[in-house]
Amino acid sequence: MEIQGMRTIRRWVRAILVGGLIAMGGASGCATVGRQFPVEMVPRLEIGKTTRTEVQQMFGTPWRTGLEDGKLTWTYGHYKYKLFGRARTRDLVVRFDGQNVVTSYTFNSTENDLPQ
């Protein structure tokens, strides 16, 4: 390929990379998915007692909903990824039974901020 063609390809690659960084959150190269939720409320969840309505009052509308083994699951998550550096993530998955009562939940965080 001729030199001029190689320069054009390099310019396009640079433009794509810069555009990707901007789309991910500017020059810092960050991407955030989900939304913040009150981590301090996690210990208030009680298996077999807390209802779906109470979970929504504590945490708001879930970021994602789904089914696990035929049971309703709600996910609250906040994921912040960086092009350079450590990702920061938190998620709470709450599982409900047929009566809309919490059967189990899982909380994970990279922030070393497990609620007491």
C-alpha atoms as a PDB file:
ATOM      1  CA  MET A   1       0.000   0.000   0.000  1.00  0.00           C
ATOM      2  CA  GLU A   2       1.264   3.459  -0.763  1.00  0.00           C
ATOM      3  CA  ILE A   3       2.471   5.861   1.957  1.00  0.00           C
ATOM      4  CA  GLN A   4      -0.496   8.247   1.538  1.00  0.00           C
ATOM      5  CA  GLY A   5      -2.934   5.348   2.019  1.00  0.00           C
ATOM      6  CA  MET A   6      -1.169   4.265   5.222  1.00  0.00           C
ATOM      7  CA  ARG A   7      -1.394   7.829   6.592  1.00  0.00           C
ATOM      8  CA  THR A   8      -5.114   7.911   5.882  1.00  0.00           C
ATOM      9  CA  ILE A   9      -5.618   4.594   7.685  1.00  0.00           C
ATOM     10  CA  ARG A  10      -3.627   5.836  10.703  1.00  0.00           C
ATOM     11  CA  ARG A  11      -5.746   9.009  10.848  1.00  0.00           C
ATOM     12  CA  TRP A  12      -8.944   6.950  10.811  1.00  0.00           C
ATOM     13  CA  VAL A  13      -7.650   4.660  13.550  1.00  0.00           C
ATOM     14  CA  ARG A  14      -6.717   7.673  15.698  1.00  0.00           C
ATOM     15  CA  ALA A  15     -10.126   9.258  15.085  1.00  0.00           C
ATOM     16  CA  ILE A  16     -11.883   6.040  16.102  1.00  0.00           C
ATOM     17  CA  LEU A  17      -9.784   5.726  19.266  1.00  0.00           C
ATOM     18  CA  VAL A  18     -10.365   9.356  20.266  1.00  0.00           C
ATOM     19  CA  GLY A  19     -14.084   9.024  19.490  1.00  0.00           C
ATOM     20  CA  GLY A  20     -14.231   5.910  21.652  1.00  0.00           C
ATOM     21  CA  LEU A  21     -12.590   7.709  24.568  1.00  0.00           C
ATOM     22  CA  ILE A  22     -15.008  10.605  24.255  1.00  0.00           C
ATOM     23  CA  ALA A  23     -17.967   8.239  24.118  1.00  0.00           C
ATOM     24  CA  MET A  24     -16.675   6.497  27.250  1.00  0.00           C
ATOM     25  CA  GLY A  25     -16.652   9.682  29.290  1.00  0.00           C
ATOM     26  CA  GLY A  26     -14.141  12.102  27.929  1.00  0.00           C
ATOM     27  CA  ALA A  27     -10.374  12.187  28.012  1.00  0.00           C
ATOM     28  CA  SER A  28     -10.310  10.224  31.269  1.00  0.00           C
ATOM     29  CA  GLY A  29     -11.576   7.161  29.414  1.00  0.00           C
ATOM     30  CA  CYS A  30     -14.336   6.303  31.907  1.00  0.00           C
ATOM     31  CA  ALA A  31     -17.614   4.499  31.369  1.00  0.00           C
ATOM     32  CA  THR A  32     -20.360   4.275  33.983  1.00  0.00           C
ATOM     33  CA  VAL A  33     -23.187   1.766  33.847  1.00  0.00           C
ATOM     34  CA  GLY A  34     -26.160   1.460  36.196  1.00  0.00           C
ATOM     35  CA  ARG A  35     -26.881   3.903  38.985  1.00  0.00           C
ATOM     36  CA  GLN A  36     -25.938   4.555  42.596  1.00  0.00           C
ATOM     37  CA  PHE A  37     -27.946   2.867  45.351  1.00  0.00           C
ATOM     38  CA  PRO A  38     -27.839   3.246  49.155  1.00  0.00           C
ATOM     39  CA  VAL A  39     -25.322   0.590  50.249  1.00  0.00           C
ATOM     40  CA  GLU A  40     -26.004   1.390  53.908  1.00  0.00           C
ATOM     41  CA  MET A  41     -29.514  -0.090  53.496  1.00  0.00           C
ATOM     42  CA  VAL A  42     -28.286  -3.597  52.573  1.00  0.00           C
ATOM     43  CA  PRO A  43     -28.194  -4.860  56.201  1.00  0.00           C
ATOM     44  CA  ARG A  44     -31.905  -4.003  56.518  1.00  0.00           C
ATOM     45  CA  LEU A  45     -32.819  -6.772  54.067  1.00  0.00           C
ATOM     46  CA  GLU A  46     -34.282  -9.730  55.940  1.00  0.00           C
ATOM     47  CA  ILE A  47     -34.651 -13.079  54.207  1.00  0.00           C
ATOM     48  CA  GLY A  48     -38.186 -14.388  54.554  1.00  0.00           C
ATOM     49  CA  LYS A  49     -39.482 -11.046  55.806  1.00  0.00           C
ATOM     50  CA  THR A  50     -38.665  -8.034  53.577  1.00  0.00           C
ATOM     51  CA  THR A  51     -41.206  -7.559  50.784  1.00  0.00           C
ATOM     52  CA  ARG A  52     -40.716  -6.404  47.221  1.00  0.00           C
ATOM     53  CA  THR A  53     -42.479  -3.118  48.071  1.00  0.00           C
ATOM     54  CA  GLU A  54     -40.078  -2.531  50.974  1.00  0.00           C
ATOM     55  CA  VAL A  55     -37.071  -3.272  48.753  1.00  0.00           C
ATOM     56  CA  GLN A  56     -38.307  -0.684  46.260  1.00  0.00           C
ATOM     57  CA  GLN A  57     -38.804   1.845  49.073  1.00  0.00           C
ATOM     58  CA  MET A  58     -35.228   1.227  50.303  1.00  0.00           C
ATOM     59  CA  PHE A  59     -33.389   1.112  46.969  1.00  0.00           C
ATOM     60  CA  GLY A  60     -35.727   2.582  44.363  1.00  0.00           C
ATOM     61  CA  THR A  61     -36.465   1.100  40.973  1.00  0.00           C
ATOM     62  CA  PRO A  62     -34.048  -1.713  40.100  1.00  0.00           C
ATOM     63  CA  TRP A  63     -31.501  -1.147  37.365  1.00  0.00           C
ATOM     64  CA  ARG A  64     -32.242  -4.601  35.921  1.00  0.00           C
ATOM     65  CA  THR A  65     -34.911  -7.217  36.470  1.00  0.00           C
ATOM     66  CA  GLY A  66     -34.891 -10.863  35.543  1.00  0.00           C
ATOM     67  CA  LEU A  67     -35.648 -14.454  36.450  1.00  0.00           C
ATOM     68  CA  GLU A  68     -33.469 -16.981  38.206  1.00  0.00           C
ATOM     69  CA  ASP A  69     -34.848 -20.524  38.400  1.00  0.00           C
ATOM     70  CA  GLY A  70     -38.252 -19.033  37.591  1.00  0.00           C
ATOM     71  CA  LYS A  71     -38.096 -16.555  40.490  1.00  0.00           C
ATOM     72  CA  LEU A  72     -38.079 -12.770  40.150  1.00  0.00           C
ATOM     73  CA  THR A  73     -34.689 -11.072  40.642  1.00  0.00           C
ATOM     74  CA  TRP A  74     -33.883  -7.395  40.929  1.00  0.00           C
ATOM     75  CA  THR A  75     -30.403  -6.020  40.376  1.00  0.00           C
ATOM     76  CA  TYR A  76     -29.113  -2.715  41.673  1.00  0.00           C
ATOM     77  CA  GLY A  77     -25.725  -1.936  40.202  1.00  0.00           C
ATOM     78  CA  HIS A  78     -23.236   0.825  39.704  1.00  0.00           C
ATOM     79  CA  TYR A  79     -20.204  -0.004  37.589  1.00  0.00           C
ATOM     80  CA  LYS A  80     -17.498   2.517  36.778  1.00  0.00           C
ATOM     81  CA  TYR A  81     -14.845   1.329  34.354  1.00  0.00           C
ATOM     82  CA  LYS A  82     -11.668   3.167  33.439  1.00  0.00           C
ATOM     83  CA  LEU A  83      -9.428   2.800  30.450  1.00  0.00           C
ATOM     84  CA  PHE A  84      -6.505   3.070  32.858  1.00  0.00           C
ATOM     85  CA  GLY A  85      -6.780   2.169  36.520  1.00  0.00           C
ATOM     86  CA  ARG A  86      -9.033   0.050  38.654  1.00  0.00           C
ATOM     87  CA  ALA A  87     -12.723  -0.457  37.958  1.00  0.00           C
ATOM     88  CA  ARG A  88     -15.122   0.409  40.783  1.00  0.00           C
ATOM     89  CA  THR A  89     -18.194  -1.756  40.990  1.00  0.00           C
ATOM     90  CA  ARG A  90     -21.061  -2.442  43.371  1.00  0.00           C
ATOM     91  CA  ASP A  91     -24.039  -4.657  42.854  1.00  0.00           C
ATOM     92  CA  LEU A  92     -26.935  -6.018  44.834  1.00  0.00           C
ATOM     93  CA  VAL A  93     -29.046  -8.889  43.501  1.00  0.00           C
ATOM     94  CA  VAL A  94     -32.291  -9.550  45.385  1.00  0.00           C
ATOM     95  CA  ARG A  95     -34.330 -12.716  44.790  1.00  0.00           C
ATOM     96  CA  PHE A  96     -38.054 -12.993  45.589  1.00  0.00           C
ATOM     97  CA  ASP A  97     -40.411 -15.919  46.101  1.00  0.00           C
ATOM     98  CA  GLY A  98     -43.937 -16.249  44.671  1.00  0.00           C
ATOM     99  CA  GLN A  99     -45.324 -14.097  47.507  1.00  0.00           C
ATOM    100  CA  ASN A 100     -42.875 -11.245  46.678  1.00  0.00           C
ATOM    101  CA  VAL A 101     -40.775 -11.805  49.802  1.00  0.00           C
ATOM    102  CA  VAL A 102     -36.954 -11.802  49.736  1.00  0.00           C
ATOM    103  CA  THR A 103     -35.574 -15.356  49.571  1.00  0.00           C
ATOM    104  CA  SER A 104     -31.899 -14.355  49.236  1.00  0.00           C
ATOM    105  CA  TYR A 105     -29.637 -11.542  48.184  1.00  0.00           C
ATOM    106  CA  THR A 106     -26.035 -10.998  47.156  1.00  0.00           C
ATOM    107  CA  PHE A 107     -24.012  -7.805  47.604  1.00  0.00           C
ATOM    108  CA  ASN A 108     -20.593  -7.359  46.000  1.00  0.00           C
ATOM    109  CA  SER A 109     -18.250  -4.380  45.875  1.00  0.00           C
ATOM    110  CA  THR A 110     -14.716  -3.549  44.830  1.00  0.00           C
ATOM    111  CA  GLU A 111     -14.755  -0.666  47.329  1.00  0.00           C
ATOM    112  CA  ASN A 112     -14.173  -2.728  50.462  1.00  0.00           C
ATOM    113  CA  ASP A 113     -17.322  -1.167  51.886  1.00  0.00           C
ATOM    114  CA  LEU A 114     -19.364  -4.100  53.053  1.00  0.00           C
ATOM    115  CA  PRO A 115     -22.168  -2.749  55.217  1.00  0.00           C
ATOM    116  CA  GLN A 116     -22.210  -3.847  58.859  1.00  0.00           C
END
